[in-house]
Amino acid sequence: MFILSQCLVAIATLLDLASFQFKQRQAILACLFSSVLLTSVHFMLLDNFSAACLMLIAALRYGYCIFARKSWVMIAFMLLSISAVLFTWQSWVSFIALSATLLQTYASFQGKDFTLRIQMIVGTIGWIAHNTLVFSPLAVVMETVFLISNLVGLWRFYAHPKPA
């Protein structure tokens, strides 16, 4: 199961790499929806049910955020994430995953792509720490690629924007 889990997260990595190379918020979120769904299955295969539940909830969140961003729904996703971790608690490492998820939930509901990117950086660092502690090497690579892709996108679109 470990090899299959790492293969799924490798595919998710490619989707993460593509995600922040788009300027449109909806395109970013569509890639993230697909990536996080695969990552959820990856964590299920590793018997990490807290992270698997959080990733499944995140996939639903990204899917919702493609079309709408109501504040009460953000709060509902946050409460659902907290409930999922309380129900599936495995160790203090679950708290790291929850913290990263809550940051990325808040980011997903931001209207501006710059704000979304900045807040995703902080959440991604939390997921890198989590994935290191649960020993999923390709998930660490995936989140690192996601972080780098986000930083490259920031640089492309904000540090050196192309003239319209």
N, C-alpha and C. Protein backbone atom coordinates (compact mmCIF):
# COMPACT_ATOMS: atom_id res chain seq x y z
N MET A 1 0.81 -1.19 0.00
CA MET A 1 0.00 0.00 0.00
C MET A 1 0.86 1.26 0.00
N PHE A 2 2.05 1.17 0.62
CA PHE A 2 2.93 2.34 0.67
C PHE A 2 3.29 2.81 -0.73
N ILE A 3 3.67 1.87 -1.61
CA ILE A 3 4.06 2.22 -2.98
C ILE A 3 2.89 2.87 -3.72
N LEU A 4 1.69 2.28 -3.61
CA LEU A 4 0.51 2.85 -4.26
C LEU A 4 0.24 4.25 -3.72
N SER A 5 0.36 4.43 -2.41
CA SER A 5 0.11 5.74 -1.81
C SER A 5 1.09 6.78 -2.37
N GLN A 6 2.33 6.38 -2.55
CA GLN A 6 3.33 7.30 -3.07
C GLN A 6 3.09 7.61 -4.55
N CYS A 7 2.57 6.64 -5.30
CA CYS A 7 2.22 6.88 -6.71
C CYS A 7 1.09 7.90 -6.82
N LEU A 8 0.09 7.77 -5.96
CA LEU A 8 -1.03 8.72 -5.98
C LEU A 8 -0.56 10.13 -5.65
N VAL A 9 0.31 10.23 -4.68
CA VAL A 9 0.79 11.55 -4.30
C VAL A 9 1.74 12.12 -5.37
N ALA A 10 2.37 11.27 -6.14
CA ALA A 10 3.19 11.75 -7.26
C ALA A 10 2.31 12.42 -8.32
N ILE A 11 1.17 11.82 -8.61
CA ILE A 11 0.22 12.44 -9.56
C ILE A 11 -0.30 13.75 -8.98
N ALA A 12 -0.61 13.73 -7.70
CA ALA A 12 -1.09 14.95 -7.03
C ALA A 12 -0.03 16.06 -7.11
N THR A 13 1.23 15.68 -7.05
CA THR A 13 2.32 16.65 -7.15
C THR A 13 2.28 17.39 -8.49
N LEU A 14 2.02 16.66 -9.56
CA LEU A 14 1.93 17.29 -10.88
C LEU A 14 0.79 18.31 -10.93
N LEU A 15 -0.32 17.96 -10.31
CA LEU A 15 -1.45 18.88 -10.26
C LEU A 15 -1.12 20.10 -9.41
N ASP A 16 -0.42 19.89 -8.31
CA ASP A 16 0.02 21.01 -7.48
C ASP A 16 0.97 21.93 -8.24
N LEU A 17 1.87 21.32 -8.98
CA LEU A 17 2.83 22.09 -9.76
C LEU A 17 2.10 23.00 -10.75
N ALA A 18 1.07 22.48 -11.36
CA ALA A 18 0.29 23.28 -12.32
C ALA A 18 -0.56 24.35 -11.65
N SER A 19 -1.04 24.07 -10.45
CA SER A 19 -2.06 24.92 -9.83
C SER A 19 -1.71 26.40 -9.76
N PHE A 20 -0.59 26.73 -9.22
CA PHE A 20 -0.27 28.14 -9.02
C PHE A 20 0.40 28.78 -10.23
N GLN A 21 0.43 28.06 -11.36
CA GLN A 21 0.91 28.68 -12.58
C GLN A 21 -0.25 29.31 -13.36
N PHE A 22 -1.43 29.17 -12.82
CA PHE A 22 -2.60 29.85 -13.37
C PHE A 22 -2.80 31.15 -12.62
N LYS A 23 -3.33 32.14 -13.29
CA LYS A 23 -3.63 33.42 -12.64
C LYS A 23 -5.05 33.41 -12.08
N GLN A 24 -5.97 32.72 -12.76
CA GLN A 24 -7.37 32.71 -12.34
C GLN A 24 -7.56 31.83 -11.11
N ARG A 25 -8.22 32.40 -10.14
CA ARG A 25 -8.50 31.73 -8.88
C ARG A 25 -9.22 30.40 -9.09
N GLN A 26 -10.19 30.36 -10.02
CA GLN A 26 -10.96 29.15 -10.27
C GLN A 26 -10.09 28.02 -10.83
N ALA A 27 -9.15 28.36 -11.69
CA ALA A 27 -8.25 27.34 -12.25
C ALA A 27 -7.32 26.79 -11.16
N ILE A 28 -6.84 27.68 -10.30
CA ILE A 28 -5.99 27.25 -9.18
C ILE A 28 -6.76 26.26 -8.32
N LEU A 29 -8.00 26.62 -7.98
CA LEU A 29 -8.80 25.78 -7.09
C LEU A 29 -9.21 24.45 -7.73
N ALA A 30 -9.43 24.44 -9.05
CA ALA A 30 -9.78 23.18 -9.73
C ALA A 30 -8.61 22.19 -9.67
N CYS A 31 -7.40 22.68 -9.87
CA CYS A 31 -6.22 21.80 -9.75
C CYS A 31 -6.08 21.30 -8.32
N LEU A 32 -6.29 22.20 -7.36
CA LEU A 32 -6.16 21.82 -5.96
C LEU A 32 -7.21 20.79 -5.56
N PHE A 33 -8.42 20.92 -6.08
CA PHE A 33 -9.49 19.95 -5.81
C PHE A 33 -9.02 18.54 -6.19
N SER A 34 -8.50 18.40 -7.40
CA SER A 34 -8.06 17.09 -7.90
C SER A 34 -6.86 16.56 -7.12
N SER A 35 -5.92 17.43 -6.86
CA SER A 35 -4.72 17.03 -6.12
C SER A 35 -5.05 16.55 -4.71
N VAL A 36 -5.87 17.30 -4.03
CA VAL A 36 -6.19 16.99 -2.63
C VAL A 36 -7.03 15.73 -2.53
N LEU A 37 -7.87 15.47 -3.51
CA LEU A 37 -8.65 14.23 -3.52
C LEU A 37 -7.72 13.02 -3.58
N LEU A 38 -6.72 13.09 -4.46
CA LEU A 38 -5.73 12.00 -4.55
C LEU A 38 -4.91 11.89 -3.25
N THR A 39 -4.59 13.02 -2.66
CA THR A 39 -3.82 13.02 -1.43
C THR A 39 -4.63 12.40 -0.28
N SER A 40 -5.93 12.61 -0.28
CA SER A 40 -6.78 11.99 0.73
C SER A 40 -6.70 10.47 0.66
N VAL A 41 -6.79 9.93 -0.55
CA VAL A 41 -6.69 8.47 -0.72
C VAL A 41 -5.29 8.01 -0.29
N HIS A 42 -4.28 8.78 -0.62
CA HIS A 42 -2.90 8.48 -0.22
C HIS A 42 -2.81 8.29 1.30
N PHE A 43 -3.40 9.24 2.06
CA PHE A 43 -3.34 9.13 3.52
C PHE A 43 -4.18 7.97 4.04
N MET A 44 -5.28 7.65 3.37
CA MET A 44 -6.08 6.48 3.78
C MET A 44 -5.25 5.21 3.65
N LEU A 45 -4.50 5.12 2.56
CA LEU A 45 -3.66 3.94 2.35
C LEU A 45 -2.55 3.83 3.39
N LEU A 46 -2.17 4.96 3.97
CA LEU A 46 -1.13 4.96 5.02
C LEU A 46 -1.74 4.86 6.42
N ASP A 47 -3.06 4.64 6.50
CA ASP A 47 -3.78 4.55 7.78
C ASP A 47 -3.65 5.82 8.61
N ASN A 48 -3.54 6.95 7.94
CA ASN A 48 -3.51 8.24 8.63
C ASN A 48 -4.88 8.88 8.40
N PHE A 49 -5.82 8.50 9.23
CA PHE A 49 -7.22 8.86 9.00
C PHE A 49 -7.52 10.33 9.28
N SER A 50 -6.80 10.94 10.20
CA SER A 50 -7.01 12.38 10.44
C SER A 50 -6.66 13.16 9.18
N ALA A 51 -5.48 12.92 8.64
CA ALA A 51 -5.05 13.63 7.43
C ALA A 51 -5.95 13.28 6.24
N ALA A 52 -6.35 12.02 6.14
CA ALA A 52 -7.23 11.60 5.04
C ALA A 52 -8.56 12.36 5.09
N CYS A 53 -9.14 12.44 6.28
CA CYS A 53 -10.41 13.18 6.44
C CYS A 53 -10.22 14.66 6.13
N LEU A 54 -9.13 15.24 6.62
CA LEU A 54 -8.87 16.66 6.36
C LEU A 54 -8.69 16.93 4.87
N MET A 55 -8.03 16.03 4.18
CA MET A 55 -7.83 16.21 2.74
C MET A 55 -9.15 16.03 1.98
N LEU A 56 -9.97 15.10 2.41
CA LEU A 56 -11.28 14.93 1.76
C LEU A 56 -12.13 16.18 1.96
N ILE A 57 -12.13 16.71 3.16
CA ILE A 57 -12.87 17.94 3.44
C ILE A 57 -12.28 19.09 2.61
N ALA A 58 -10.96 19.13 2.49
CA ALA A 58 -10.31 20.17 1.70
C ALA A 58 -10.71 20.07 0.23
N ALA A 59 -10.82 18.86 -0.29
CA ALA A 59 -11.25 18.69 -1.69
C ALA A 59 -12.65 19.26 -1.87
N LEU A 60 -13.54 18.94 -0.95
CA LEU A 60 -14.90 19.49 -1.01
C LEU A 60 -14.88 21.01 -0.91
N ARG A 61 -14.03 21.52 -0.04
CA ARG A 61 -13.89 22.96 0.13
C ARG A 61 -13.42 23.63 -1.15
N TYR A 62 -12.38 23.08 -1.77
CA TYR A 62 -11.87 23.66 -3.02
C TYR A 62 -12.94 23.60 -4.10
N GLY A 63 -13.66 22.48 -4.16
CA GLY A 63 -14.74 22.37 -5.14
C GLY A 63 -15.80 23.44 -4.92
N TYR A 64 -16.18 23.66 -3.69
CA TYR A 64 -17.17 24.70 -3.38
C TYR A 64 -16.63 26.09 -3.73
N CYS A 65 -15.37 26.35 -3.38
CA CYS A 65 -14.80 27.69 -3.57
C CYS A 65 -14.60 28.07 -5.04
N ILE A 66 -14.65 27.10 -5.93
CA ILE A 66 -14.58 27.42 -7.36
C ILE A 66 -15.79 28.28 -7.73
N PHE A 67 -16.91 28.01 -7.10
CA PHE A 67 -18.17 28.65 -7.49
C PHE A 67 -18.67 29.72 -6.52
N ALA A 68 -18.31 29.65 -5.25
CA ALA A 68 -18.84 30.59 -4.26
C ALA A 68 -17.88 30.72 -3.09
N ARG A 69 -18.12 31.75 -2.24
CA ARG A 69 -17.25 31.97 -1.08
C ARG A 69 -18.04 32.62 0.06
N LYS A 70 -19.03 31.99 0.53
CA LYS A 70 -19.81 32.55 1.64
C LYS A 70 -19.08 32.29 2.96
N SER A 71 -19.04 33.32 3.81
CA SER A 71 -18.31 33.22 5.08
C SER A 71 -18.85 32.12 5.98
N TRP A 72 -20.15 31.95 6.01
CA TRP A 72 -20.72 30.92 6.89
C TRP A 72 -20.29 29.52 6.44
N VAL A 73 -20.06 29.35 5.14
CA VAL A 73 -19.60 28.05 4.64
C VAL A 73 -18.14 27.82 5.06
N MET A 74 -17.33 28.89 5.06
CA MET A 74 -15.96 28.78 5.53
C MET A 74 -15.95 28.29 6.98
N ILE A 75 -16.78 28.91 7.81
CA ILE A 75 -16.86 28.51 9.22
C ILE A 75 -17.34 27.06 9.34
N ALA A 76 -18.29 26.67 8.49
CA ALA A 76 -18.78 25.29 8.51
C ALA A 76 -17.65 24.31 8.15
N PHE A 77 -16.83 24.65 7.15
CA PHE A 77 -15.70 23.79 6.78
C PHE A 77 -14.68 23.72 7.92
N MET A 78 -14.45 24.83 8.59
CA MET A 78 -13.52 24.83 9.72
C MET A 78 -14.03 23.94 10.86
N LEU A 79 -15.31 24.08 11.18
CA LEU A 79 -15.90 23.26 12.24
C LEU A 79 -15.91 21.78 11.86
N LEU A 80 -16.17 21.50 10.58
CA LEU A 80 -16.14 20.11 10.09
C LEU A 80 -14.72 19.54 10.23
N SER A 81 -13.72 20.34 9.90
CA SER A 81 -12.32 19.89 10.02
C SER A 81 -11.96 19.61 11.47
N ILE A 82 -12.35 20.50 12.37
CA ILE A 82 -12.08 20.30 13.79
C ILE A 82 -12.77 19.03 14.28
N SER A 83 -14.02 18.85 13.89
CA SER A 83 -14.77 17.65 14.29
C SER A 83 -14.11 16.38 13.76
N ALA A 84 -13.66 16.43 12.51
CA ALA A 84 -13.03 15.25 11.90
C ALA A 84 -11.77 14.86 12.66
N VAL A 85 -10.98 15.84 13.06
CA VAL A 85 -9.74 15.53 13.80
C VAL A 85 -10.06 15.02 15.20
N LEU A 86 -11.05 15.60 15.83
CA LEU A 86 -11.44 15.10 17.16
C LEU A 86 -11.90 13.65 17.08
N PHE A 87 -12.61 13.31 16.01
CA PHE A 87 -13.13 11.97 15.83
C PHE A 87 -12.03 10.96 15.45
N THR A 88 -11.02 11.42 14.71
CA THR A 88 -9.99 10.51 14.18
C THR A 88 -8.62 10.72 14.84
N TRP A 89 -8.56 11.47 15.91
CA TRP A 89 -7.29 11.83 16.55
C TRP A 89 -6.37 10.63 16.67
N GLN A 90 -5.12 10.81 16.21
CA GLN A 90 -4.13 9.74 16.30
C GLN A 90 -2.95 10.13 17.20
N SER A 91 -2.53 11.37 17.11
CA SER A 91 -1.43 11.86 17.94
C SER A 91 -1.40 13.38 17.79
N TRP A 92 -0.44 13.98 18.45
CA TRP A 92 -0.29 15.43 18.35
C TRP A 92 0.00 15.88 16.93
N VAL A 93 0.45 14.99 16.09
CA VAL A 93 0.72 15.32 14.69
C VAL A 93 -0.60 15.70 13.98
N SER A 94 -1.70 15.13 14.46
CA SER A 94 -3.01 15.49 13.91
C SER A 94 -3.29 16.98 14.10
N PHE A 95 -2.78 17.56 15.18
CA PHE A 95 -2.97 18.99 15.44
C PHE A 95 -2.24 19.83 14.39
N ILE A 96 -1.07 19.38 13.95
CA ILE A 96 -0.32 20.10 12.91
C ILE A 96 -1.14 20.11 11.62
N ALA A 97 -1.69 18.94 11.26
CA ALA A 97 -2.51 18.85 10.05
C ALA A 97 -3.74 19.75 10.17
N LEU A 98 -4.36 19.76 11.32
CA LEU A 98 -5.55 20.60 11.53
C LEU A 98 -5.19 22.08 11.40
N SER A 99 -4.10 22.49 12.01
CA SER A 99 -3.68 23.90 11.93
C SER A 99 -3.44 24.31 10.47
N ALA A 100 -2.73 23.46 9.73
CA ALA A 100 -2.47 23.76 8.32
C ALA A 100 -3.78 23.83 7.54
N THR A 101 -4.70 22.93 7.83
CA THR A 101 -5.98 22.92 7.15
C THR A 101 -6.79 24.18 7.44
N LEU A 102 -6.81 24.60 8.69
CA LEU A 102 -7.56 25.80 9.04
C LEU A 102 -7.00 27.03 8.34
N LEU A 103 -5.68 27.13 8.24
CA LEU A 103 -5.07 28.24 7.50
C LEU A 103 -5.44 28.19 6.03
N GLN A 104 -5.39 27.01 5.44
CA GLN A 104 -5.70 26.89 4.02
C GLN A 104 -7.20 27.04 3.76
N THR A 105 -8.02 26.70 4.73
CA THR A 105 -9.46 26.94 4.58
C THR A 105 -9.71 28.44 4.51
N TYR A 106 -9.12 29.17 5.43
CA TYR A 106 -9.27 30.62 5.41
C TYR A 106 -8.78 31.19 4.08
N ALA A 107 -7.63 30.69 3.61
CA ALA A 107 -7.06 31.16 2.34
C ALA A 107 -8.01 30.91 1.17
N SER A 108 -8.64 29.75 1.15
CA SER A 108 -9.52 29.37 0.03
C SER A 108 -10.69 30.33 -0.15
N PHE A 109 -11.08 30.99 0.92
CA PHE A 109 -12.24 31.86 0.87
C PHE A 109 -11.88 33.32 0.62
N GLN A 110 -10.62 33.58 0.35
CA GLN A 110 -10.21 34.95 0.05
C GLN A 110 -10.49 35.27 -1.41
N GLY A 111 -10.93 36.48 -1.66
CA GLY A 111 -11.32 36.88 -3.01
C GLY A 111 -10.16 37.18 -3.93
N LYS A 112 -9.05 37.59 -3.38
CA LYS A 112 -7.91 37.97 -4.20
C LYS A 112 -6.89 36.85 -4.26
N ASP A 113 -6.40 36.62 -5.46
CA ASP A 113 -5.46 35.51 -5.65
C ASP A 113 -4.17 35.75 -4.89
N PHE A 114 -3.71 37.00 -4.74
CA PHE A 114 -2.49 37.29 -3.98
C PHE A 114 -2.65 36.87 -2.52
N THR A 115 -3.77 37.22 -1.93
CA THR A 115 -4.04 36.87 -0.53
C THR A 115 -4.12 35.35 -0.38
N LEU A 116 -4.80 34.69 -1.31
CA LEU A 116 -4.90 33.23 -1.30
C LEU A 116 -3.50 32.61 -1.30
N ARG A 117 -2.63 33.11 -2.18
CA ARG A 117 -1.29 32.55 -2.31
C ARG A 117 -0.47 32.70 -1.02
N ILE A 118 -0.49 33.89 -0.44
CA ILE A 118 0.30 34.17 0.76
C ILE A 118 -0.14 33.27 1.91
N GLN A 119 -1.43 33.17 2.12
CA GLN A 119 -1.93 32.35 3.22
C GLN A 119 -1.70 30.86 2.97
N MET A 120 -1.74 30.45 1.71
CA MET A 120 -1.45 29.05 1.38
C MET A 120 -0.01 28.68 1.71
N ILE A 121 0.89 29.64 1.59
CA ILE A 121 2.31 29.38 1.90
C ILE A 121 2.44 28.92 3.35
N VAL A 122 1.80 29.61 4.26
CA VAL A 122 1.91 29.27 5.69
C VAL A 122 1.31 27.88 5.95
N GLY A 123 0.12 27.61 5.37
CA GLY A 123 -0.50 26.30 5.54
C GLY A 123 0.35 25.18 4.95
N THR A 124 0.98 25.46 3.83
CA THR A 124 1.82 24.46 3.17
C THR A 124 3.02 24.09 4.04
N ILE A 125 3.59 25.06 4.70
CA ILE A 125 4.71 24.77 5.61
C ILE A 125 4.26 23.82 6.72
N GLY A 126 3.04 24.01 7.21
CA GLY A 126 2.49 23.08 8.21
C GLY A 126 2.35 21.67 7.66
N TRP A 127 1.86 21.55 6.42
CA TRP A 127 1.72 20.22 5.82
C TRP A 127 3.08 19.56 5.57
N ILE A 128 4.09 20.36 5.23
CA ILE A 128 5.44 19.79 5.06
C ILE A 128 5.92 19.19 6.38
N ALA A 129 5.70 19.91 7.46
CA ALA A 129 6.09 19.39 8.79
C ALA A 129 5.31 18.11 9.10
N HIS A 130 4.01 18.12 8.87
CA HIS A 130 3.18 16.94 9.13
C HIS A 130 3.67 15.74 8.33
N ASN A 131 3.86 15.93 7.04
CA ASN A 131 4.24 14.82 6.15
C ASN A 131 5.63 14.27 6.47
N THR A 132 6.50 15.14 6.98
CA THR A 132 7.81 14.68 7.43
C THR A 132 7.65 13.78 8.65
N LEU A 133 6.82 14.20 9.58
CA LEU A 133 6.63 13.44 10.82
C LEU A 133 5.90 12.11 10.62
N VAL A 134 5.03 12.01 9.60
CA VAL A 134 4.34 10.74 9.35
C VAL A 134 5.08 9.88 8.33
N PHE A 135 6.24 10.32 7.92
CA PHE A 135 7.09 9.64 6.96
C PHE A 135 6.36 9.28 5.67
N SER A 136 6.03 10.32 4.94
CA SER A 136 5.54 10.16 3.57
C SER A 136 6.43 11.02 2.68
N PRO A 137 7.53 10.44 2.21
CA PRO A 137 8.53 11.23 1.49
C PRO A 137 7.97 11.95 0.27
N LEU A 138 7.14 11.28 -0.52
CA LEU A 138 6.62 11.95 -1.70
C LEU A 138 5.58 13.01 -1.34
N ALA A 139 4.92 12.87 -0.21
CA ALA A 139 4.01 13.93 0.23
C ALA A 139 4.81 15.16 0.65
N VAL A 140 6.00 14.96 1.23
CA VAL A 140 6.89 16.09 1.54
C VAL A 140 7.32 16.75 0.23
N VAL A 141 7.70 15.94 -0.74
CA VAL A 141 8.09 16.47 -2.05
C VAL A 141 6.91 17.23 -2.67
N MET A 142 5.71 16.63 -2.59
CA MET A 142 4.52 17.27 -3.17
C MET A 142 4.29 18.65 -2.56
N GLU A 143 4.30 18.73 -1.24
CA GLU A 143 4.05 20.02 -0.59
C GLU A 143 5.18 21.01 -0.87
N THR A 144 6.40 20.52 -0.98
CA THR A 144 7.53 21.39 -1.32
C THR A 144 7.39 21.92 -2.74
N VAL A 145 6.99 21.06 -3.67
CA VAL A 145 6.73 21.49 -5.05
C VAL A 145 5.59 22.50 -5.07
N PHE A 146 4.55 22.24 -4.28
CA PHE A 146 3.42 23.14 -4.17
C PHE A 146 3.89 24.51 -3.67
N LEU A 147 4.74 24.52 -2.67
CA LEU A 147 5.28 25.76 -2.12
C LEU A 147 6.11 26.49 -3.17
N ILE A 148 6.98 25.78 -3.84
CA ILE A 148 7.83 26.39 -4.87
C ILE A 148 6.98 26.92 -6.02
N SER A 149 6.00 26.13 -6.45
CA SER A 149 5.10 26.56 -7.52
C SER A 149 4.38 27.84 -7.14
N ASN A 150 3.91 27.90 -5.91
CA ASN A 150 3.23 29.09 -5.41
C ASN A 150 4.18 30.29 -5.43
N LEU A 151 5.41 30.09 -4.96
CA LEU A 151 6.39 31.19 -4.95
C LEU A 151 6.75 31.65 -6.35
N VAL A 152 6.90 30.70 -7.29
CA VAL A 152 7.18 31.05 -8.69
C VAL A 152 6.00 31.83 -9.27
N GLY A 153 4.78 31.37 -8.99
CA GLY A 153 3.59 32.09 -9.46
C GLY A 153 3.53 33.50 -8.90
N LEU A 154 3.83 33.65 -7.61
CA LEU A 154 3.88 34.99 -7.01
C LEU A 154 4.88 35.87 -7.74
N TRP A 155 6.05 35.32 -7.98
CA TRP A 155 7.09 36.07 -8.67
C TRP A 155 6.65 36.45 -10.09
N ARG A 156 6.09 35.50 -10.82
CA ARG A 156 5.66 35.75 -12.20
C ARG A 156 4.57 36.81 -12.29
N PHE A 157 3.59 36.71 -11.41
CA PHE A 157 2.42 37.58 -11.53
C PHE A 157 2.53 38.88 -10.75
N TYR A 158 3.39 38.93 -9.74
CA TYR A 158 3.42 40.12 -8.90
C TYR A 158 4.77 40.81 -8.86
N ALA A 159 5.87 40.08 -8.88
CA ALA A 159 7.18 40.72 -8.87
C ALA A 159 7.57 41.23 -10.26
N HIS A 160 7.22 40.44 -11.26
CA HIS A 160 7.54 40.80 -12.65
C HIS A 160 6.32 40.58 -13.53
N PRO A 161 5.24 41.35 -13.32
CA PRO A 161 4.04 41.13 -14.13
C PRO A 161 4.30 41.50 -15.59
N LYS A 162 3.68 40.72 -16.47
CA LYS A 162 3.77 40.99 -17.89
C LYS A 162 2.80 42.10 -18.24
N PRO A 163 3.19 42.97 -19.16
CA PRO A 163 2.23 44.02 -19.56
C PRO A 163 1.02 43.43 -20.25
N ALA A 164 -0.12 44.06 -20.03
CA ALA A 164 -1.38 43.52 -20.58
C ALA A 164 -1.52 43.75 -22.06
